[in-house]
Amino acid sequence: MRLDKLLFETGFGSRRTVKRLLKSKQVQLNGQTIMVDSLNVDPQLQEVTVAGVPIDYQPHVYYMLHKPAGVVSAVSDAVNQTVIDLIEPSQRVPGLFPVGRLDKDTEGLLLLTNNGQLGYQLLIPKKEVTKCYEVVVNERVTDDDQLAFTAGIVFDGGVICKPAQLTILSQSDTESRVLLEISEGKFHQVKKMFLSVGKKVIYLKRLSMGPLQLDKTLSLGSYRPLHAEELVALKPYFK
């Protein structure tokens, strides 16, 4: 990887700050002063130091987790089991975190990584990363509900949601199972959207986030590293 990218990702500041470090001759590669920011280096095979201190580089990891209900989307929690607790201790690399959050009672796809820049790119509103959910609500979903979701649900207080696609999969007189696609991530958004049309979510599962689709072979609470083709699909978010 490029030397300036390595220093940026290991916490030595902005690209501009990294350039100043190089210009002031504080960066060394295998004991030799380096001033070229575009130089390709391998921190696992070469020693890079800044002001005489070796950098601590941790390769990025990417795990797809099938989050179960009852587990919180957090790095640590004094009371509840977290999604990090579901990862084998030997695979809990420093800086590992969940990209976004699913409510404690929500199941489904969750990406865990130590690549902070990727997490940022997937979550910033301007990227409009689409998330798809399987939702069960306690009443029949109507044509008017679908139109309201397409137009953009308005919460109490005037908060407007972006247009969402609501597709009915099955329903009875007492409940409906639907697919919901949204392109934002407001707090408790899915539950609040249905409450705004008088319905309560009784089951919620995320099926996809951007190009990532939940692996149907993953049982609840299990995880795996992303496949090569999934990493390629995420390439537009690697900045």
Protein backbone atom coordinates (compact mmCIF):
# COMPACT_ATOMS: atom_id res chain seq x y z
CA MET A 1 0.00 0.00 0.00
CA ARG A 2 1.08 3.62 -0.43
CA LEU A 3 3.13 5.05 2.41
CA ASP A 4 0.85 8.07 2.89
CA LYS A 5 -2.23 5.80 3.04
CA LEU A 6 -0.51 3.58 5.61
CA LEU A 7 0.34 6.54 7.85
CA PHE A 8 -3.16 7.98 7.47
CA GLU A 9 -4.81 4.68 8.41
CA THR A 10 -2.56 4.18 11.44
CA GLY A 11 -3.57 7.49 12.97
CA PHE A 12 -0.83 9.92 12.03
CA GLY A 13 -3.28 12.57 10.88
CA SER A 14 -4.61 13.91 7.62
CA ARG A 15 -2.87 13.49 4.28
CA ARG A 16 -1.54 17.02 4.71
CA THR A 17 -0.11 16.17 8.13
CA VAL A 18 1.48 13.03 6.71
CA LYS A 19 3.17 15.09 4.00
CA ARG A 20 4.64 17.34 6.69
CA LEU A 21 5.99 14.32 8.55
CA LEU A 22 7.70 13.11 5.39
CA LYS A 23 9.04 16.54 4.51
CA SER A 24 10.51 16.94 8.00
CA LYS A 25 12.35 13.61 7.58
CA GLN A 26 10.57 11.90 10.49
CA VAL A 27 9.58 8.78 8.53
CA GLN A 28 11.96 5.88 7.99
CA LEU A 29 11.64 2.61 6.10
CA ASN A 30 13.99 -0.13 7.33
CA GLY A 31 16.15 2.58 8.88
CA GLN A 32 16.30 4.78 5.78
CA THR A 33 14.65 8.21 5.71
CA ILE A 34 11.79 8.35 3.21
CA MET A 35 10.25 11.51 1.75
CA VAL A 36 8.17 10.02 -1.10
CA ASP A 37 4.52 9.72 -0.05
CA SER A 38 3.53 7.51 -3.02
CA LEU A 39 6.11 4.81 -2.24
CA ASN A 40 4.56 1.34 -1.99
CA VAL A 41 5.36 -0.43 1.28
CA ASP A 42 4.37 -3.65 3.03
CA PRO A 43 4.12 -3.06 6.80
CA GLN A 44 4.09 -6.80 7.42
CA LEU A 45 7.45 -7.26 5.71
CA GLN A 46 9.10 -3.88 6.26
CA GLU A 47 9.58 -1.72 9.35
CA VAL A 48 8.14 1.76 9.11
CA THR A 49 8.90 4.19 11.93
CA VAL A 50 7.75 7.74 12.67
CA ALA A 51 10.09 9.78 14.85
CA GLY A 52 11.81 6.53 15.76
CA VAL A 53 8.63 4.74 16.89
CA PRO A 54 7.52 1.67 14.86
CA ILE A 55 3.97 1.91 13.58
CA ASP A 56 1.46 -0.68 14.76
CA TYR A 57 -0.34 -1.71 11.60
CA GLN A 58 -3.31 -4.06 11.80
CA PRO A 59 -4.52 -5.47 8.45
CA HIS A 60 -8.17 -4.78 7.77
CA VAL A 61 -10.68 -7.53 8.38
CA TYR A 62 -14.27 -7.79 7.16
CA TYR A 63 -16.83 -10.09 8.76
CA MET A 64 -20.45 -10.72 7.76
CA LEU A 65 -22.45 -11.48 10.90
CA HIS A 66 -25.98 -12.87 11.12
CA LYS A 67 -26.97 -10.90 14.20
CA PRO A 68 -29.47 -12.58 16.52
CA ALA A 69 -32.04 -10.77 18.64
CA GLY A 70 -30.95 -9.99 22.18
CA VAL A 71 -27.44 -8.86 21.20
CA VAL A 72 -26.52 -5.18 21.03
CA SER A 73 -24.65 -3.54 18.15
CA ALA A 74 -21.81 -2.12 20.22
CA VAL A 75 -18.13 -2.66 20.87
CA SER A 76 -18.71 -3.09 24.60
CA ASP A 77 -21.61 -3.06 27.04
CA ALA A 78 -21.62 -3.45 30.82
CA VAL A 79 -24.85 -5.45 30.83
CA ASN A 80 -25.67 -6.95 27.43
CA GLN A 81 -23.86 -9.32 25.11
CA THR A 82 -22.44 -7.43 22.12
CA VAL A 83 -21.84 -8.38 18.51
CA ILE A 84 -18.10 -8.27 19.24
CA ASP A 85 -18.63 -10.99 21.87
CA LEU A 86 -19.85 -13.26 19.05
CA ILE A 87 -16.45 -13.07 17.34
CA GLU A 88 -13.82 -15.64 18.31
CA PRO A 89 -11.29 -14.00 20.66
CA SER A 90 -8.42 -14.78 18.29
CA GLN A 91 -10.23 -12.86 15.51
CA ARG A 92 -11.13 -9.76 17.54
CA VAL A 93 -8.53 -7.47 16.03
CA PRO A 94 -7.97 -4.01 17.55
CA GLY A 95 -10.45 -1.43 16.28
CA LEU A 96 -13.12 -3.97 15.26
CA PHE A 97 -16.58 -2.36 15.23
CA PRO A 98 -20.06 -2.85 13.74
CA VAL A 99 -20.86 -0.68 10.73
CA GLY A 100 -24.06 1.01 11.82
CA ARG A 101 -26.39 -0.58 14.30
CA LEU A 102 -29.34 -2.92 14.48
CA ASP A 103 -31.72 -2.63 17.42
CA LYS A 104 -31.30 -5.20 20.17
CA ASP A 105 -34.43 -7.09 19.05
CA THR A 106 -33.52 -6.94 15.34
CA GLU A 107 -31.88 -9.78 13.42
CA GLY A 108 -29.92 -9.89 10.20
CA LEU A 109 -26.94 -8.66 8.27
CA LEU A 110 -24.27 -6.70 10.11
CA LEU A 111 -20.81 -5.86 8.77
CA LEU A 112 -17.95 -5.80 11.25
CA THR A 113 -14.58 -4.35 10.30
CA ASN A 114 -11.62 -2.37 11.60
CA ASN A 115 -11.62 -0.21 8.46
CA GLY A 116 -13.01 3.06 9.79
CA GLN A 117 -12.98 4.78 6.43
CA LEU A 118 -15.16 2.06 4.87
CA GLY A 119 -17.59 2.31 7.76
CA TYR A 120 -17.80 6.07 7.30
CA GLN A 121 -18.45 5.80 3.57
CA LEU A 122 -21.25 3.26 4.06
CA LEU A 123 -22.99 5.38 6.69
CA ILE A 124 -22.77 8.97 5.48
CA PRO A 125 -26.21 10.16 4.29
CA LYS A 126 -24.99 11.51 0.93
CA LYS A 127 -24.05 7.98 -0.19
CA GLU A 128 -27.70 6.87 0.19
CA VAL A 129 -26.71 3.24 0.79
CA THR A 130 -29.82 1.09 0.38
CA LYS A 131 -30.84 -1.27 3.18
CA CYS A 132 -33.48 -3.96 2.70
CA TYR A 133 -35.49 -5.39 5.60
CA GLU A 134 -37.96 -8.20 6.08
CA VAL A 135 -40.66 -6.82 8.35
CA VAL A 136 -43.68 -8.36 10.05
CA VAL A 137 -46.31 -5.93 11.36
CA ASN A 138 -49.44 -6.55 13.43
CA GLU A 139 -52.04 -5.47 10.82
CA ARG A 140 -52.75 -5.60 7.11
CA VAL A 141 -50.62 -3.26 5.02
CA THR A 142 -52.80 -1.25 2.64
CA ASP A 143 -52.34 0.42 -0.71
CA ASP A 144 -52.46 3.75 1.12
CA ASP A 145 -49.55 2.61 3.31
CA GLN A 146 -47.50 1.79 0.24
CA LEU A 147 -48.26 5.18 -1.27
CA ALA A 148 -47.29 6.92 1.97
CA PHE A 149 -43.94 5.12 2.06
CA THR A 150 -43.30 5.95 -1.59
CA ALA A 151 -44.11 9.63 -0.97
CA GLY A 152 -41.90 9.80 2.13
CA ILE A 153 -43.12 9.15 5.66
CA VAL A 154 -43.30 12.18 7.97
CA PHE A 155 -42.62 11.58 11.68
CA ASP A 156 -44.13 13.58 14.51
CA GLY A 157 -42.15 16.79 14.71
CA GLY A 158 -41.91 17.16 10.95
CA VAL A 159 -38.97 14.85 10.24
CA ILE A 160 -39.31 13.66 6.65
CA CYS A 161 -38.04 10.28 5.47
CA LYS A 162 -36.81 9.76 1.96
CA PRO A 163 -39.08 7.74 -0.33
CA ALA A 164 -39.02 4.03 0.48
CA GLN A 165 -40.18 0.95 -1.38
CA LEU A 166 -42.68 -1.24 0.46
CA THR A 167 -43.52 -4.64 -1.07
CA ILE A 168 -46.14 -6.98 0.39
CA LEU A 169 -44.97 -10.61 0.58
CA SER A 170 -47.93 -12.14 2.43
CA GLN A 171 -50.65 -11.09 4.84
CA SER A 172 -53.67 -12.15 6.83
CA ASP A 173 -56.29 -10.21 8.76
CA THR A 174 -53.95 -9.93 11.74
CA GLU A 175 -50.46 -9.39 10.28
CA SER A 176 -48.43 -8.65 7.16
CA ARG A 177 -44.95 -9.71 6.03
CA VAL A 178 -43.29 -7.16 3.78
CA LEU A 179 -39.99 -6.09 2.28
CA LEU A 180 -38.88 -2.53 2.95
CA GLU A 181 -36.05 -0.75 1.13
CA ILE A 182 -34.73 2.51 2.60
CA SER A 183 -31.71 4.65 1.76
CA GLU A 184 -31.06 6.28 5.13
CA GLY A 185 -30.63 5.23 8.73
CA LYS A 186 -32.51 7.37 11.21
CA PHE A 187 -32.79 6.15 14.81
CA HIS A 188 -35.43 3.36 15.03
CA GLN A 189 -36.46 4.43 11.54
CA VAL A 190 -38.28 1.29 10.36
CA LYS A 191 -40.33 0.99 13.55
CA LYS A 192 -41.22 4.69 13.50
CA MET A 193 -42.24 4.55 9.84
CA PHE A 194 -44.78 1.84 10.51
CA LEU A 195 -46.01 3.50 13.68
CA SER A 196 -46.72 6.60 11.59
CA VAL A 197 -49.30 4.56 9.63
CA GLY A 198 -50.72 2.94 12.76
CA LYS A 199 -48.88 -0.38 12.70
CA LYS A 200 -46.42 -2.04 15.07
CA VAL A 201 -43.33 -3.96 13.96
CA ILE A 202 -43.27 -7.40 15.61
CA TYR A 203 -40.31 -8.84 13.69
CA LEU A 204 -37.45 -7.13 11.88
CA LYS A 205 -34.55 -8.59 9.93
CA ARG A 206 -32.02 -6.83 7.70
CA LEU A 207 -31.37 -8.72 4.48
CA SER A 208 -28.94 -6.41 2.72
CA MET A 209 -26.81 -3.29 3.02
CA GLY A 210 -25.55 -1.74 -0.19
CA PRO A 211 -24.09 -4.55 -2.32
CA LEU A 212 -23.89 -7.01 0.61
CA GLN A 213 -26.57 -9.69 0.85
CA LEU A 214 -27.06 -11.77 3.99
CA ASP A 215 -25.62 -15.25 3.42
CA LYS A 216 -28.58 -17.61 3.81
CA THR A 217 -26.27 -20.37 5.02
CA LEU A 218 -25.20 -18.33 8.08
CA SER A 219 -27.11 -19.40 11.17
CA LEU A 220 -28.13 -16.85 13.79
CA GLY A 221 -25.06 -15.69 15.72
CA SER A 222 -22.56 -17.02 13.17
CA TYR A 223 -20.23 -15.03 10.93
CA ARG A 224 -17.63 -15.39 8.19
CA PRO A 225 -15.04 -13.25 6.41
CA LEU A 226 -16.33 -11.50 3.31
CA HIS A 227 -15.69 -13.33 0.06
CA ALA A 228 -13.46 -11.78 -2.59
CA GLU A 229 -16.42 -10.90 -4.82
CA GLU A 230 -18.12 -9.11 -1.91
CA LEU A 231 -15.01 -7.02 -1.30
CA VAL A 232 -14.94 -6.15 -5.00
CA ALA A 233 -18.59 -5.07 -4.78
CA LEU A 234 -17.67 -2.77 -1.86
CA LYS A 235 -14.80 -1.19 -3.81
CA PRO A 236 -16.70 2.07 -4.54
CA TYR A 237 -16.78 2.69 -0.77
CA PHE A 238 -13.05 2.19 -0.24
CA LYS A 239 -11.74 5.76 -0.24
